Amino acid sequence: MKQAFGRWWAETAVYLAHVAALARPGARVRGFAVHPFQAGALQGWQASDLCLLVEEGRRQVDRQRADLDRVQARSQLLFTVAGVLLGLLVSESDTTARHGTAVATIWYVGLVLVTLGLLGAAALMSVRSTFGGVDAALLSRQPAPVLRSMARAYAQAVAEGENTVATRLTVFRDAVLLVVVGAALQAGVWLATR
């Protein structure tokens, strides 16, 4: 139970950090460290092995960026849906207020949840993403042969991208959950006031 609460609290803190970063353009937000491995030393690797590592590193970095693009596209849809739902909820405020404190409280909680979901979707679209990669200018300063340096750089870049994608997927899941629960509460309020 204590461990589950700790995970929930850490997830909530990361979500709120993303939302707060909306007010701080370019801010770096913390995320989850899900990638368990560090890059190896690459001692004794042949050139063909290093080329294979570079190729696989490029493929992983490209996949991570594609995954981020998919999360951002879904976030745009969620933002639109949450925005429309929020407008609908605000338009029902007068009707809700006439049905007592309990109904108004449920309406208010739903409104807050949908608003938090909307802000989470906005954060996913606009908060700075952190990805690793190979900087050609820095690579040009490495002593020859550069293949080992390039392979090491890709091996190190993968972990940062995996952590970013996992964090963004978690924030997206939480935003969807907030919007769905808020919408469900509003559906209950709507049925109670009709």
Protein backbone atom coordinates (compact mmCIF):
# COMPACT_ATOMS: atom_id res chain seq x y z
CA MET A 1 0.00 0.00 0.00
CA LYS A 2 2.80 2.39 0.94
CA GLN A 3 4.67 1.57 -2.28
CA ALA A 4 1.55 2.13 -4.40
CA PHE A 5 0.99 5.51 -2.72
CA GLY A 6 4.62 6.42 -3.40
CA ARG A 7 4.22 5.62 -7.11
CA TRP A 8 0.95 7.56 -7.25
CA TRP A 9 2.55 10.55 -5.53
CA ALA A 10 5.58 10.49 -7.87
CA GLU A 11 3.29 10.28 -10.90
CA THR A 12 1.15 13.16 -9.60
CA ALA A 13 4.25 15.28 -9.01
CA VAL A 14 5.50 14.68 -12.56
CA TYR A 15 2.05 15.50 -13.98
CA LEU A 16 1.81 18.74 -12.00
CA ALA A 17 5.39 19.64 -12.97
CA HIS A 18 4.39 19.34 -16.64
CA VAL A 19 1.33 21.53 -16.06
CA ALA A 20 3.38 24.10 -14.14
CA ALA A 21 5.93 24.19 -16.98
CA LEU A 22 3.25 25.77 -19.17
CA ALA A 23 3.99 29.01 -17.30
CA ARG A 24 7.77 28.64 -17.77
CA PRO A 25 8.61 28.35 -21.49
CA GLY A 26 11.66 26.22 -22.18
CA ALA A 27 11.73 24.83 -18.64
CA ARG A 28 13.13 21.37 -18.24
CA VAL A 29 10.70 19.09 -16.39
CA ARG A 30 11.63 16.01 -14.49
CA GLY A 31 10.44 12.64 -15.61
CA PHE A 32 10.66 8.95 -14.86
CA ALA A 33 13.88 6.97 -15.07
CA VAL A 34 12.63 3.80 -16.72
CA HIS A 35 15.63 2.83 -18.83
CA PRO A 36 17.70 0.55 -16.60
CA PHE A 37 20.97 0.36 -18.55
CA GLN A 38 24.03 2.56 -18.92
CA ALA A 39 26.19 2.53 -22.03
CA GLY A 40 28.98 -0.04 -21.94
CA ALA A 41 32.69 0.60 -22.39
CA LEU A 42 32.82 -0.82 -25.97
CA GLN A 43 36.33 -2.16 -25.34
CA GLY A 44 37.39 -4.76 -27.88
CA TRP A 45 34.56 -3.98 -30.30
CA GLN A 46 35.42 -4.31 -33.99
CA ALA A 47 34.46 -1.62 -36.53
CA SER A 48 31.62 -3.80 -37.84
CA ASP A 49 30.23 -4.12 -34.29
CA LEU A 50 30.43 -0.37 -33.80
CA CYS A 51 28.66 0.24 -37.14
CA LEU A 52 25.90 -2.10 -36.02
CA LEU A 53 25.57 -0.18 -32.73
CA VAL A 54 25.38 3.16 -34.57
CA GLU A 55 22.72 1.79 -36.91
CA GLU A 56 20.65 0.41 -34.03
CA GLY A 57 21.09 3.64 -32.06
CA ARG A 58 19.80 5.69 -34.99
CA ARG A 59 16.83 3.37 -35.35
CA GLN A 60 15.97 3.66 -31.64
CA VAL A 61 16.29 7.46 -31.60
CA ASP A 62 14.09 7.70 -34.71
CA ARG A 63 11.47 5.44 -33.10
CA GLN A 64 11.51 7.53 -29.92
CA ARG A 65 10.87 10.71 -31.89
CA ALA A 66 8.03 8.99 -33.79
CA ASP A 67 6.55 7.85 -30.47
CA LEU A 68 6.70 11.43 -29.17
CA ASP A 69 4.98 12.67 -32.33
CA ARG A 70 2.16 10.15 -31.79
CA VAL A 71 1.72 11.24 -28.17
CA GLN A 72 1.61 14.89 -29.24
CA ALA A 73 -0.97 14.16 -31.96
CA ARG A 74 -3.18 12.33 -29.46
CA SER A 75 -2.72 15.20 -27.03
CA GLN A 76 -4.03 17.64 -29.62
CA LEU A 77 -7.19 15.57 -29.96
CA LEU A 78 -7.56 15.29 -26.18
CA PHE A 79 -7.05 19.05 -25.82
CA THR A 80 -9.82 19.71 -28.34
CA VAL A 81 -12.24 17.29 -26.69
CA ALA A 82 -11.47 18.62 -23.20
CA GLY A 83 -11.90 22.21 -24.40
CA VAL A 84 -15.33 21.48 -25.86
CA LEU A 85 -16.32 19.57 -22.73
CA LEU A 86 -15.12 22.42 -20.54
CA GLY A 87 -17.23 24.90 -22.51
CA LEU A 88 -20.26 22.66 -22.11
CA LEU A 89 -19.67 22.33 -18.37
CA VAL A 90 -19.32 26.06 -17.85
CA SER A 91 -22.57 26.62 -19.75
CA GLU A 92 -24.35 24.33 -17.26
CA SER A 93 -23.20 26.23 -14.16
CA ASP A 94 -26.49 28.10 -13.61
CA THR A 95 -28.60 24.97 -13.97
CA THR A 96 -26.31 23.03 -11.64
CA ALA A 97 -26.30 25.69 -8.93
CA ARG A 98 -30.10 25.48 -8.61
CA HIS A 99 -30.01 21.78 -7.63
CA GLY A 100 -28.26 22.04 -4.28
CA THR A 101 -24.82 21.85 -2.77
CA ALA A 102 -24.19 18.15 -3.45
CA VAL A 103 -24.86 18.47 -7.18
CA ALA A 104 -22.86 21.71 -7.36
CA THR A 105 -19.92 20.07 -5.58
CA ILE A 106 -19.88 17.12 -7.99
CA TRP A 107 -20.11 19.56 -10.91
CA TYR A 108 -17.21 21.57 -9.52
CA VAL A 109 -15.02 18.48 -8.99
CA GLY A 110 -15.74 17.37 -12.55
CA LEU A 111 -14.91 20.85 -13.83
CA VAL A 112 -11.56 20.81 -12.00
CA LEU A 113 -10.70 17.33 -13.32
CA VAL A 114 -11.50 18.27 -16.92
CA THR A 115 -9.48 21.48 -16.55
CA LEU A 116 -6.48 19.53 -15.20
CA GLY A 117 -6.80 17.08 -18.10
CA LEU A 118 -6.91 19.96 -20.57
CA LEU A 119 -3.80 21.51 -19.01
CA GLY A 120 -2.01 18.15 -19.13
CA ALA A 121 -2.81 17.82 -22.83
CA ALA A 122 -1.56 21.38 -23.41
CA ALA A 123 1.65 20.55 -21.56
CA LEU A 124 2.25 17.50 -23.73
CA MET A 125 1.97 19.66 -26.83
CA SER A 126 4.22 22.47 -25.67
CA VAL A 127 6.59 21.52 -22.85
CA ARG A 128 10.18 20.93 -23.89
CA SER A 129 11.12 17.33 -24.69
CA THR A 130 14.53 15.93 -23.83
CA PHE A 131 16.16 13.60 -26.32
CA GLY A 132 19.71 12.53 -26.86
CA GLY A 133 21.44 12.52 -30.20
CA VAL A 134 24.74 12.92 -31.92
CA ASP A 135 25.95 16.48 -32.43
CA ALA A 136 27.93 16.59 -35.67
CA ALA A 137 29.91 19.66 -34.54
CA LEU A 138 31.02 17.91 -31.36
CA LEU A 139 31.71 14.71 -33.25
CA SER A 140 34.01 16.65 -35.59
CA ARG A 141 36.20 17.54 -32.57
CA GLN A 142 36.77 13.90 -31.61
CA PRO A 143 40.11 12.30 -32.46
CA ALA A 144 40.08 9.82 -35.33
CA PRO A 145 38.67 7.25 -35.68
CA VAL A 146 35.29 8.72 -34.74
CA LEU A 147 33.26 5.55 -35.08
CA ARG A 148 33.83 4.56 -31.43
CA SER A 149 32.83 8.05 -30.21
CA MET A 150 29.74 7.99 -32.39
CA ALA A 151 28.72 4.54 -31.17
CA ARG A 152 29.17 5.60 -27.54
CA ALA A 153 27.11 8.78 -28.14
CA TYR A 154 24.21 6.79 -29.59
CA ALA A 155 24.39 4.27 -26.77
CA GLN A 156 24.13 7.11 -24.24
CA ALA A 157 21.38 8.95 -26.16
CA VAL A 158 18.93 6.06 -26.08
CA ALA A 159 18.29 6.14 -22.32
CA GLU A 160 17.27 9.80 -22.24
CA GLY A 161 14.81 9.33 -25.09
CA GLU A 162 13.25 6.23 -23.53
CA ASN A 163 12.74 8.10 -20.26
CA THR A 164 11.15 11.05 -22.08
CA VAL A 165 8.73 8.89 -24.07
CA ALA A 166 7.72 6.86 -20.99
CA THR A 167 7.08 10.06 -19.04
CA ARG A 168 5.02 11.59 -21.82
CA LEU A 169 2.92 8.42 -22.19
CA THR A 170 2.25 8.44 -18.45
CA VAL A 171 1.24 12.11 -18.46
CA PHE A 172 -1.04 11.44 -21.45
CA ARG A 173 -2.66 8.48 -19.70
CA ASP A 174 -3.26 10.60 -16.60
CA ALA A 175 -4.74 13.45 -18.67
CA VAL A 176 -7.13 11.02 -20.38
CA LEU A 177 -8.13 9.58 -17.00
CA LEU A 178 -8.82 13.06 -15.59
CA VAL A 179 -10.98 14.03 -18.57
CA VAL A 180 -12.90 10.73 -18.55
CA VAL A 181 -13.60 10.85 -14.80
CA GLY A 182 -14.57 14.53 -15.05
CA ALA A 183 -16.89 13.76 -17.97
CA ALA A 184 -18.44 10.85 -16.06
CA LEU A 185 -19.12 13.10 -13.07
CA GLN A 186 -20.70 15.67 -15.38
CA ALA A 187 -22.85 12.99 -17.01
CA GLY A 188 -24.11 12.08 -13.54
CA VAL A 189 -24.83 15.74 -12.79
CA TRP A 190 -26.62 16.14 -16.10
CA LEU A 191 -28.83 13.11 -15.40
CA ALA A 192 -29.58 14.35 -11.87
CA THR A 193 -30.63 17.79 -13.10
CA ARG A 194 -32.96 16.62 -15.88
